[in-house]
Protein backbone atom coordinates (compact mmCIF):
# COMPACT_ATOMS: atom_id res chain seq x y z
CA MET A 1 -92.74 81.33 -13.22
CA THR A 2 -91.95 80.88 -16.89
CA GLU A 3 -93.89 77.61 -16.96
CA LEU A 4 -96.88 79.24 -15.29
CA ARG A 5 -96.89 82.15 -17.73
CA THR A 6 -96.61 79.75 -20.67
CA HIS A 7 -99.45 77.71 -19.24
CA LEU A 8 -101.64 80.77 -18.74
CA GLN A 9 -100.95 81.99 -22.25
CA ASP A 10 -101.69 78.63 -23.82
CA ARG A 11 -104.74 77.91 -21.64
CA GLN A 12 -103.88 74.22 -21.65
CA THR A 13 -104.65 71.77 -18.93
CA LEU A 14 -101.81 71.55 -16.47
CA CYS A 15 -101.47 68.06 -15.04
CA VAL A 16 -100.09 67.87 -11.52
CA ASP A 17 -99.17 64.66 -9.71
CA VAL A 18 -100.10 64.71 -6.05
CA PRO A 19 -99.47 61.94 -3.51
CA SER A 20 -102.54 59.73 -3.14
CA LYS A 21 -102.50 60.27 0.63
CA LEU A 22 -103.75 63.81 -0.12
CA GLN A 23 -106.65 62.64 -2.28
CA ARG A 24 -109.31 63.55 0.27
CA ILE A 25 -108.01 67.01 1.15
CA VAL A 26 -106.69 68.48 -2.10
CA PRO A 27 -110.18 69.11 -3.57
CA ILE A 28 -111.13 70.99 -0.39
CA PHE A 29 -107.88 72.93 -0.52
CA LEU A 30 -108.53 73.91 -4.15
CA LYS A 31 -112.12 74.95 -3.32
CA ASN A 32 -110.74 77.22 -0.62
CA ARG A 33 -108.41 78.82 -3.17
CA GLN A 34 -111.49 79.56 -5.30
CA ASP A 35 -112.91 81.32 -2.25
CA ASP A 36 -109.62 83.22 -1.99
CA ILE A 37 -110.21 84.70 -5.44
CA HIS A 38 -113.41 86.30 -4.21
CA ALA A 39 -111.81 87.45 -0.95
CA LEU A 40 -108.81 88.92 -2.77
CA THR A 41 -111.00 90.73 -5.29
CA SER A 42 -113.17 92.14 -2.54
CA ALA A 43 -110.14 93.22 -0.52
CA LEU A 44 -108.61 94.85 -3.60
CA ASN A 45 -111.83 96.78 -4.23
CA ARG A 46 -111.65 98.05 -0.63
CA LYS A 47 -107.89 98.71 -0.92
CA ASP A 48 -107.43 96.36 2.04
CA PHE A 49 -103.83 95.47 1.35
CA ALA A 50 -103.35 93.89 4.80
CA THR A 51 -105.96 91.24 3.98
CA ILE A 52 -104.43 90.69 0.54
CA GLN A 53 -101.01 90.21 2.11
CA SER A 54 -102.42 87.76 4.67
CA ILE A 55 -104.18 85.64 2.04
CA GLY A 56 -101.06 85.63 -0.14
CA HIS A 57 -98.92 84.62 2.83
CA LYS A 58 -101.19 81.69 3.70
CA MET A 59 -101.26 80.51 0.09
CA LYS A 60 -97.47 80.80 -0.18
CA GLY A 61 -97.09 78.71 2.94
CA SER A 62 -99.47 75.94 1.98
CA GLY A 63 -99.41 75.33 -1.79
CA ALA A 64 -96.27 73.22 -1.95
CA GLY A 65 -97.40 71.18 1.05
CA TYR A 66 -100.34 70.00 -1.03
CA GLY A 67 -98.13 69.23 -4.01
CA LEU A 68 -99.07 72.46 -5.79
CA PRO A 69 -95.93 74.60 -5.95
CA TYR A 70 -97.46 77.07 -8.42
CA LEU A 71 -99.92 78.10 -5.73
CA THR A 72 -96.98 78.77 -3.46
CA GLU A 73 -95.44 80.92 -6.18
CA ILE A 74 -98.64 82.85 -6.85
CA GLY A 75 -99.21 83.38 -3.13
CA GLY A 76 -95.69 84.71 -2.75
CA HIS A 77 -96.22 87.23 -5.52
CA ILE A 78 -99.52 88.38 -4.03
CA GLU A 79 -97.93 88.71 -0.60
CA LYS A 80 -95.04 90.74 -2.02
CA CYS A 81 -97.26 93.10 -4.03
CA ALA A 82 -99.59 93.96 -1.13
CA PRO A 83 -97.23 96.22 0.88
CA GLU A 84 -96.32 97.96 -2.36
CA LYS A 85 -100.06 98.58 -2.93
CA ASN A 86 -99.55 97.54 -6.53
CA ALA A 87 -103.21 96.98 -7.46
CA GLU A 88 -102.45 96.26 -11.12
CA LEU A 89 -99.97 93.52 -10.32
CA ILE A 90 -102.21 92.07 -7.60
CA GLN A 91 -105.03 91.89 -10.15
CA TYR A 92 -102.66 90.10 -12.54
CA TRP A 93 -101.86 87.47 -9.91
CA ILE A 94 -105.53 87.05 -8.96
CA ALA A 95 -106.22 86.34 -12.64
CA ALA A 96 -103.26 83.94 -12.72
CA LEU A 97 -104.71 82.14 -9.70
CA SER A 98 -108.11 81.91 -11.35
CA ASP A 99 -106.65 80.60 -14.61
CA TYR A 100 -104.52 78.07 -12.77
CA LEU A 101 -107.47 76.75 -10.77
CA GLN A 102 -109.60 76.47 -13.89
CA ASN A 103 -106.95 74.56 -15.82
CA VAL A 104 -105.18 72.40 -13.26
CA GLU A 105 -105.87 68.68 -13.44
CA ILE A 106 -104.88 66.71 -10.40
CA HIS A 107 -103.58 63.14 -10.72
CA PHE A 108 -103.07 61.15 -7.57
CA SER A 109 -100.08 58.82 -7.51
């Protein structure tokens, strides 16, 4: 998490190496995470913590499988904050997700 916080503070491009066999599906996966930002924000506005927890759980379970462990970490934090109904911390992690998606640069190896 320290690396992610440093990255978010510095607003630098974060280069991630992903296996070339995932080249066709990673862009779609990342687009879906952009959609998650909107879904999470909407759910937070409605105080729908069950939906927030579900989205976080799915992200936690899939990020590392696509070679993006930070998404797994962010998803885990979102999932954990939902039952606590910690809107401020959920908003922080939504912003972290948005920043990560805006600054991640994927390299296929």
